[in-house]
N, C-alpha and C. Protein backbone atom coordinates (compact mmCIF):
# COMPACT_ATOMS: atom_id res chain seq x y z
N MET A 1 -9.70 -24.16 5.56
CA MET A 1 -8.68 -23.12 5.49
C MET A 1 -9.29 -21.85 4.91
N MET A 2 -9.04 -20.73 5.56
CA MET A 2 -9.60 -19.47 5.12
C MET A 2 -8.79 -18.89 3.96
N LYS A 3 -9.49 -18.45 2.94
CA LYS A 3 -8.86 -17.86 1.76
C LYS A 3 -8.31 -16.47 2.09
N LYS A 4 -7.13 -16.16 1.57
CA LYS A 4 -6.55 -14.83 1.76
C LYS A 4 -7.16 -13.87 0.76
N VAL A 5 -7.48 -12.68 1.22
CA VAL A 5 -8.06 -11.64 0.39
C VAL A 5 -7.01 -10.55 0.22
N PRO A 6 -6.69 -10.12 -1.00
CA PRO A 6 -5.67 -9.08 -1.16
C PRO A 6 -6.14 -7.74 -0.61
N LEU A 7 -5.21 -7.04 0.02
CA LEU A 7 -5.45 -5.70 0.53
C LEU A 7 -4.85 -4.71 -0.45
N GLN A 8 -5.64 -3.76 -0.94
CA GLN A 8 -5.18 -2.70 -1.84
C GLN A 8 -4.88 -1.48 -0.98
N VAL A 9 -3.63 -1.03 -1.01
CA VAL A 9 -3.20 0.15 -0.25
C VAL A 9 -2.92 1.28 -1.24
N THR A 10 -3.53 2.43 -1.01
CA THR A 10 -3.31 3.60 -1.86
C THR A 10 -2.66 4.69 -1.01
N LEU A 11 -1.60 5.27 -1.55
CA LEU A 11 -0.85 6.34 -0.87
C LEU A 11 -1.04 7.63 -1.63
N HIS A 12 -1.55 8.65 -0.97
CA HIS A 12 -1.71 9.98 -1.55
C HIS A 12 -0.58 10.84 -0.99
N VAL A 13 0.37 11.20 -1.84
CA VAL A 13 1.58 11.90 -1.40
C VAL A 13 1.47 13.37 -1.82
N GLU A 14 1.45 14.27 -0.84
CA GLU A 14 1.30 15.70 -1.10
C GLU A 14 2.65 16.41 -1.30
N THR A 15 3.67 15.97 -0.58
CA THR A 15 5.00 16.57 -0.67
C THR A 15 6.02 15.45 -0.82
N PRO A 16 7.22 15.73 -1.33
CA PRO A 16 8.23 14.66 -1.40
C PRO A 16 8.34 13.97 -0.04
N SER A 17 8.28 12.65 -0.06
CA SER A 17 8.18 11.88 1.18
C SER A 17 9.04 10.64 1.13
N VAL A 18 9.34 10.12 2.32
CA VAL A 18 10.01 8.84 2.47
C VAL A 18 9.14 8.01 3.41
N VAL A 19 8.82 6.78 2.99
CA VAL A 19 8.07 5.86 3.84
C VAL A 19 8.87 4.59 4.01
N ALA A 20 8.77 3.99 5.18
CA ALA A 20 9.36 2.67 5.44
C ALA A 20 8.22 1.66 5.32
N VAL A 21 8.34 0.75 4.37
CA VAL A 21 7.30 -0.24 4.10
C VAL A 21 7.80 -1.59 4.60
N THR A 22 7.02 -2.23 5.49
CA THR A 22 7.36 -3.56 5.99
C THR A 22 6.30 -4.53 5.48
N VAL A 23 6.74 -5.53 4.71
CA VAL A 23 5.82 -6.52 4.14
C VAL A 23 6.38 -7.92 4.34
N ALA A 24 5.49 -8.90 4.32
CA ALA A 24 5.91 -10.30 4.47
C ALA A 24 5.85 -11.05 3.14
N ASP A 25 5.37 -10.38 2.10
CA ASP A 25 5.36 -10.98 0.77
C ASP A 25 5.98 -9.98 -0.21
N THR A 26 6.22 -10.40 -1.43
CA THR A 26 6.79 -9.51 -2.44
C THR A 26 5.69 -8.63 -2.99
N VAL A 27 5.94 -7.31 -3.00
CA VAL A 27 4.93 -6.38 -3.52
C VAL A 27 5.56 -5.44 -4.54
N GLN A 28 4.69 -4.92 -5.39
CA GLN A 28 5.10 -3.95 -6.41
C GLN A 28 4.37 -2.65 -6.11
N ILE A 29 5.10 -1.56 -6.00
CA ILE A 29 4.47 -0.25 -5.84
C ILE A 29 4.34 0.38 -7.21
N ASP A 30 3.13 0.82 -7.53
CA ASP A 30 2.86 1.50 -8.80
C ASP A 30 2.50 2.95 -8.53
N ARG A 31 2.93 3.82 -9.44
CA ARG A 31 2.48 5.21 -9.41
C ARG A 31 1.31 5.30 -10.37
N LEU A 32 0.21 5.87 -9.92
CA LEU A 32 -0.99 5.97 -10.74
C LEU A 32 -0.99 7.33 -11.43
N LEU A 33 -1.03 7.31 -12.76
CA LEU A 33 -0.98 8.52 -13.57
C LEU A 33 -2.27 8.66 -14.36
N ARG A 34 -2.63 9.89 -14.70
CA ARG A 34 -3.78 10.14 -15.57
C ARG A 34 -3.30 10.22 -17.00
N HIS A 35 -3.96 9.49 -17.90
CA HIS A 35 -3.62 9.52 -19.31
C HIS A 35 -4.91 9.37 -20.10
N ASP A 36 -5.28 10.39 -20.86
CA ASP A 36 -6.52 10.36 -21.64
C ASP A 36 -7.72 9.99 -20.78
N ASP A 37 -7.87 10.66 -19.65
CA ASP A 37 -9.00 10.45 -18.73
C ASP A 37 -9.09 9.04 -18.16
N ALA A 38 -7.97 8.33 -18.13
CA ALA A 38 -7.94 6.99 -17.53
C ALA A 38 -6.72 6.90 -16.60
N ALA A 39 -6.83 6.08 -15.58
CA ALA A 39 -5.70 5.86 -14.67
C ALA A 39 -4.78 4.81 -15.29
N VAL A 40 -3.49 5.10 -15.29
CA VAL A 40 -2.48 4.20 -15.81
C VAL A 40 -1.47 3.92 -14.70
N ALA A 41 -1.18 2.64 -14.45
CA ALA A 41 -0.22 2.26 -13.42
C ALA A 41 1.17 2.15 -14.04
N GLU A 42 2.13 2.80 -13.40
CA GLU A 42 3.53 2.75 -13.83
C GLU A 42 4.36 2.25 -12.65
N ARG A 43 5.16 1.20 -12.87
CA ARG A 43 5.95 0.64 -11.76
C ARG A 43 6.86 1.71 -11.17
N HIS A 44 6.89 1.74 -9.83
CA HIS A 44 7.75 2.68 -9.11
C HIS A 44 8.82 1.88 -8.38
N GLY A 45 10.02 1.90 -8.92
CA GLY A 45 11.14 1.19 -8.28
C GLY A 45 11.05 -0.32 -8.46
N PRO A 46 11.98 -1.03 -7.83
CA PRO A 46 12.01 -2.49 -7.96
C PRO A 46 10.93 -3.14 -7.09
N LEU A 47 10.70 -4.42 -7.31
CA LEU A 47 9.80 -5.17 -6.44
C LEU A 47 10.35 -5.11 -5.01
N LEU A 48 9.46 -5.01 -4.03
CA LEU A 48 9.88 -5.00 -2.63
C LEU A 48 9.78 -6.42 -2.10
N GLU A 49 10.92 -6.99 -1.74
CA GLU A 49 10.96 -8.33 -1.16
C GLU A 49 10.54 -8.24 0.30
N PRO A 50 10.20 -9.37 0.92
CA PRO A 50 9.81 -9.35 2.34
C PRO A 50 10.87 -8.65 3.19
N GLY A 51 10.41 -7.87 4.14
CA GLY A 51 11.29 -7.11 5.02
C GLY A 51 10.86 -5.65 5.05
N THR A 52 11.76 -4.79 5.49
CA THR A 52 11.49 -3.36 5.60
C THR A 52 12.35 -2.61 4.61
N ARG A 53 11.73 -1.73 3.86
CA ARG A 53 12.44 -0.94 2.86
C ARG A 53 12.02 0.52 2.98
N ASP A 54 12.96 1.42 2.79
CA ASP A 54 12.68 2.84 2.66
C ASP A 54 12.33 3.11 1.21
N VAL A 55 11.27 3.84 0.95
CA VAL A 55 10.86 4.15 -0.41
C VAL A 55 10.68 5.67 -0.54
N ASP A 56 11.38 6.28 -1.49
CA ASP A 56 11.23 7.71 -1.77
C ASP A 56 10.04 7.90 -2.70
N LEU A 57 9.17 8.85 -2.36
CA LEU A 57 7.98 9.11 -3.17
C LEU A 57 7.88 10.60 -3.51
N ALA A 58 7.74 10.89 -4.80
CA ALA A 58 7.46 12.26 -5.23
C ALA A 58 5.96 12.47 -5.07
N PRO A 59 5.49 13.73 -5.08
CA PRO A 59 4.05 13.95 -4.98
C PRO A 59 3.30 13.17 -6.06
N GLY A 60 2.17 12.57 -5.67
CA GLY A 60 1.37 11.79 -6.59
C GLY A 60 0.59 10.73 -5.85
N ILE A 61 0.02 9.80 -6.60
CA ILE A 61 -0.76 8.71 -6.02
C ILE A 61 -0.06 7.39 -6.35
N TYR A 62 0.10 6.55 -5.34
CA TYR A 62 0.78 5.26 -5.48
C TYR A 62 -0.12 4.17 -4.91
N ALA A 63 0.11 2.93 -5.33
CA ALA A 63 -0.70 1.82 -4.83
C ALA A 63 0.10 0.54 -4.83
N PHE A 64 -0.25 -0.36 -3.90
CA PHE A 64 0.29 -1.71 -3.91
C PHE A 64 -0.73 -2.64 -3.29
N ARG A 65 -0.59 -3.94 -3.59
CA ARG A 65 -1.45 -4.98 -3.03
C ARG A 65 -0.59 -5.95 -2.24
N THR A 66 -1.16 -6.47 -1.16
CA THR A 66 -0.46 -7.45 -0.35
C THR A 66 -1.45 -8.50 0.15
N LEU A 67 -0.95 -9.71 0.34
CA LEU A 67 -1.76 -10.79 0.91
C LEU A 67 -1.47 -10.98 2.39
N CYS A 68 -0.50 -10.22 2.91
CA CYS A 68 -0.09 -10.36 4.31
C CYS A 68 -0.23 -9.02 5.02
N ASP A 69 -0.23 -9.06 6.35
CA ASP A 69 -0.25 -7.82 7.12
C ASP A 69 0.96 -6.99 6.73
N ALA A 70 0.80 -5.68 6.76
CA ALA A 70 1.89 -4.77 6.37
C ALA A 70 1.93 -3.58 7.32
N GLU A 71 3.08 -2.92 7.34
CA GLU A 71 3.25 -1.71 8.14
C GLU A 71 3.83 -0.62 7.25
N LEU A 72 3.33 0.59 7.43
CA LEU A 72 3.82 1.74 6.70
C LEU A 72 4.18 2.80 7.73
N ALA A 73 5.43 3.23 7.73
CA ALA A 73 5.88 4.28 8.64
C ALA A 73 6.29 5.49 7.81
N VAL A 74 5.70 6.64 8.09
CA VAL A 74 6.06 7.86 7.38
C VAL A 74 7.32 8.41 8.04
N VAL A 75 8.43 8.34 7.29
CA VAL A 75 9.72 8.81 7.80
C VAL A 75 9.81 10.32 7.66
N SER A 76 9.39 10.84 6.50
CA SER A 76 9.37 12.28 6.29
C SER A 76 8.34 12.61 5.22
N GLY A 77 7.88 13.85 5.21
CA GLY A 77 6.92 14.28 4.21
C GLY A 77 5.49 14.12 4.68
N GLY A 78 4.58 14.08 3.73
CA GLY A 78 3.16 13.97 4.04
C GLY A 78 2.48 12.94 3.17
N VAL A 79 1.95 11.89 3.81
CA VAL A 79 1.30 10.79 3.10
C VAL A 79 -0.03 10.48 3.77
N THR A 80 -1.07 10.37 2.97
CA THR A 80 -2.38 9.92 3.44
C THR A 80 -2.64 8.57 2.80
N THR A 81 -3.17 7.62 3.58
CA THR A 81 -3.42 6.29 3.04
C THR A 81 -4.91 5.98 2.99
N SER A 82 -5.26 5.10 2.07
CA SER A 82 -6.59 4.52 2.05
C SER A 82 -6.43 3.05 1.69
N ILE A 83 -7.36 2.23 2.15
CA ILE A 83 -7.27 0.79 1.89
C ILE A 83 -8.59 0.27 1.36
N GLY A 84 -8.53 -0.87 0.70
CA GLY A 84 -9.72 -1.54 0.21
C GLY A 84 -9.40 -2.99 -0.07
N VAL A 85 -10.44 -3.80 -0.15
CA VAL A 85 -10.27 -5.21 -0.52
C VAL A 85 -11.21 -5.51 -1.67
N GLN A 86 -10.77 -6.39 -2.55
CA GLN A 86 -11.62 -6.81 -3.67
C GLN A 86 -11.21 -8.21 -4.07
N HIS A 87 -12.18 -9.07 -4.18
CA HIS A 87 -11.92 -10.43 -4.64
C HIS A 87 -11.74 -10.42 -6.16
N LYS A 88 -10.84 -11.25 -6.65
CA LYS A 88 -10.57 -11.32 -8.09
C LYS A 88 -11.82 -11.60 -8.90
N ASP A 89 -12.68 -12.46 -8.38
CA ASP A 89 -13.83 -12.89 -9.16
C ASP A 89 -15.08 -12.03 -8.94
N GLU A 90 -14.91 -10.88 -8.30
CA GLU A 90 -16.07 -10.03 -8.03
C GLU A 90 -15.91 -8.68 -8.70
N ASP A 91 -17.02 -8.05 -8.97
CA ASP A 91 -16.98 -6.75 -9.63
C ASP A 91 -16.73 -5.65 -8.60
N PRO A 92 -16.47 -4.41 -9.05
CA PRO A 92 -16.16 -3.31 -8.13
C PRO A 92 -17.26 -2.99 -7.13
N THR A 93 -18.48 -3.47 -7.33
CA THR A 93 -19.54 -3.20 -6.36
C THR A 93 -19.31 -3.98 -5.06
N PHE A 94 -18.29 -4.87 -5.06
CA PHE A 94 -17.96 -5.59 -3.83
C PHE A 94 -17.64 -4.63 -2.71
N GLN A 95 -16.98 -3.50 -3.03
CA GLN A 95 -16.66 -2.50 -2.01
C GLN A 95 -17.93 -2.02 -1.33
N ALA A 96 -18.99 -1.83 -2.09
CA ALA A 96 -20.25 -1.36 -1.52
C ALA A 96 -20.82 -2.37 -0.53
N SER A 97 -20.63 -3.66 -0.77
CA SER A 97 -21.16 -4.66 0.15
C SER A 97 -20.45 -4.58 1.50
N ILE A 98 -19.17 -4.24 1.49
CA ILE A 98 -18.43 -4.09 2.75
C ILE A 98 -18.98 -2.89 3.50
N LEU A 99 -19.24 -1.79 2.79
CA LEU A 99 -19.78 -0.60 3.42
C LEU A 99 -21.16 -0.85 4.01
N ARG A 100 -21.92 -1.78 3.43
CA ARG A 100 -23.24 -2.13 3.96
C ARG A 100 -23.13 -3.05 5.17
N GLY A 101 -21.92 -3.45 5.54
CA GLY A 101 -21.73 -4.30 6.71
C GLY A 101 -21.74 -5.78 6.42
N GLU A 102 -21.74 -6.15 5.16
CA GLU A 102 -21.70 -7.57 4.81
C GLU A 102 -20.26 -8.05 4.92
N ALA A 103 -20.04 -9.14 5.62
CA ALA A 103 -18.69 -9.64 5.84
C ALA A 103 -18.11 -10.22 4.55
N PRO A 104 -16.86 -9.85 4.20
CA PRO A 104 -16.23 -10.45 3.02
C PRO A 104 -15.85 -11.90 3.29
N ARG A 105 -15.78 -12.69 2.23
CA ARG A 105 -15.31 -14.06 2.38
C ARG A 105 -13.79 -14.04 2.49
N GLY A 106 -13.24 -14.69 3.49
CA GLY A 106 -11.80 -14.72 3.67
C GLY A 106 -11.34 -13.60 4.59
N ARG A 107 -10.07 -13.63 4.92
CA ARG A 107 -9.50 -12.65 5.83
C ARG A 107 -8.63 -11.68 5.06
N ALA A 108 -8.90 -10.40 5.21
CA ALA A 108 -8.08 -9.38 4.58
C ALA A 108 -6.92 -9.04 5.51
N PRO A 109 -5.75 -8.79 4.94
CA PRO A 109 -4.61 -8.38 5.77
C PRO A 109 -4.88 -7.03 6.44
N ARG A 110 -4.10 -6.74 7.47
CA ARG A 110 -4.20 -5.46 8.16
C ARG A 110 -3.04 -4.57 7.75
N LEU A 111 -3.29 -3.27 7.74
CA LEU A 111 -2.25 -2.28 7.50
C LEU A 111 -2.12 -1.43 8.74
N THR A 112 -0.90 -1.33 9.26
CA THR A 112 -0.60 -0.45 10.38
C THR A 112 0.16 0.74 9.82
N VAL A 113 -0.31 1.96 10.14
CA VAL A 113 0.35 3.17 9.66
C VAL A 113 0.79 3.97 10.87
N ARG A 114 2.03 4.45 10.83
CA ARG A 114 2.52 5.27 11.94
C ARG A 114 3.49 6.32 11.42
N SER A 115 3.67 7.34 12.22
CA SER A 115 4.66 8.37 11.94
C SER A 115 5.89 8.07 12.77
N MET A 116 7.06 8.25 12.20
CA MET A 116 8.29 8.00 12.94
C MET A 116 8.75 9.28 13.59
N SER A 117 9.14 9.17 14.86
CA SER A 117 9.65 10.35 15.55
C SER A 117 11.07 10.65 15.07
N SER A 118 11.51 11.85 15.28
CA SER A 118 12.84 12.28 14.85
C SER A 118 13.91 11.34 15.40
N GLY A 119 14.76 10.84 14.54
CA GLY A 119 15.85 9.97 14.95
C GLY A 119 15.48 8.50 15.02
N GLU A 120 14.21 8.16 15.02
CA GLU A 120 13.77 6.77 15.08
C GLU A 120 13.94 6.14 13.71
N ARG A 121 14.46 4.93 13.64
CA ARG A 121 14.65 4.22 12.37
C ARG A 121 14.34 2.75 12.60
N PRO A 122 13.53 2.14 11.74
CA PRO A 122 13.36 0.69 11.85
C PRO A 122 14.66 0.00 11.47
N GLY A 123 14.87 -1.19 11.96
CA GLY A 123 16.11 -1.92 11.67
C GLY A 123 16.17 -2.48 10.28
N ASN A 124 17.37 -2.69 9.79
CA ASN A 124 17.63 -3.37 8.51
C ASN A 124 16.92 -2.75 7.31
N LEU A 125 17.03 -1.46 7.16
CA LEU A 125 16.40 -0.80 6.02
C LEU A 125 17.23 -0.96 4.77
N ILE A 126 16.56 -1.17 3.65
CA ILE A 126 17.19 -1.19 2.35
C ILE A 126 16.51 -0.10 1.54
N ARG A 127 17.25 0.79 0.94
CA ARG A 127 16.68 1.92 0.23
C ARG A 127 16.22 1.51 -1.16
N SER A 128 14.97 1.89 -1.53
CA SER A 128 14.42 1.62 -2.85
C SER A 128 14.05 2.93 -3.49
N ARG A 129 14.16 3.01 -4.80
CA ARG A 129 13.76 4.22 -5.53
C ARG A 129 12.93 3.83 -6.72
């Protein structure tokens, strides 16, 4: 059985934005703040249960981890995403091994990002703040 590798998703929000997040596991979105030259994670809203949720984001940097494939749809505003994987038992240089083309152990989830056209809405949205 192949081990699941967590996917770290980082959202860089330039303007007030709304994103629709679809996940198959429970995730926590954190807002990353600078405090005394260190990054501090502050929980943003409630835990997101499996399904699709609308999330309001003020300008800033946000992050979440998931063990399952996820989808992010930009409903409004401006959001840039970046992703990474890191095994719990490995140091941060693990990212460099991926860049060198070395295959990670286990399967990392996929993130699909899309922009929603005017009037388009995913079904069964629950609003989170």
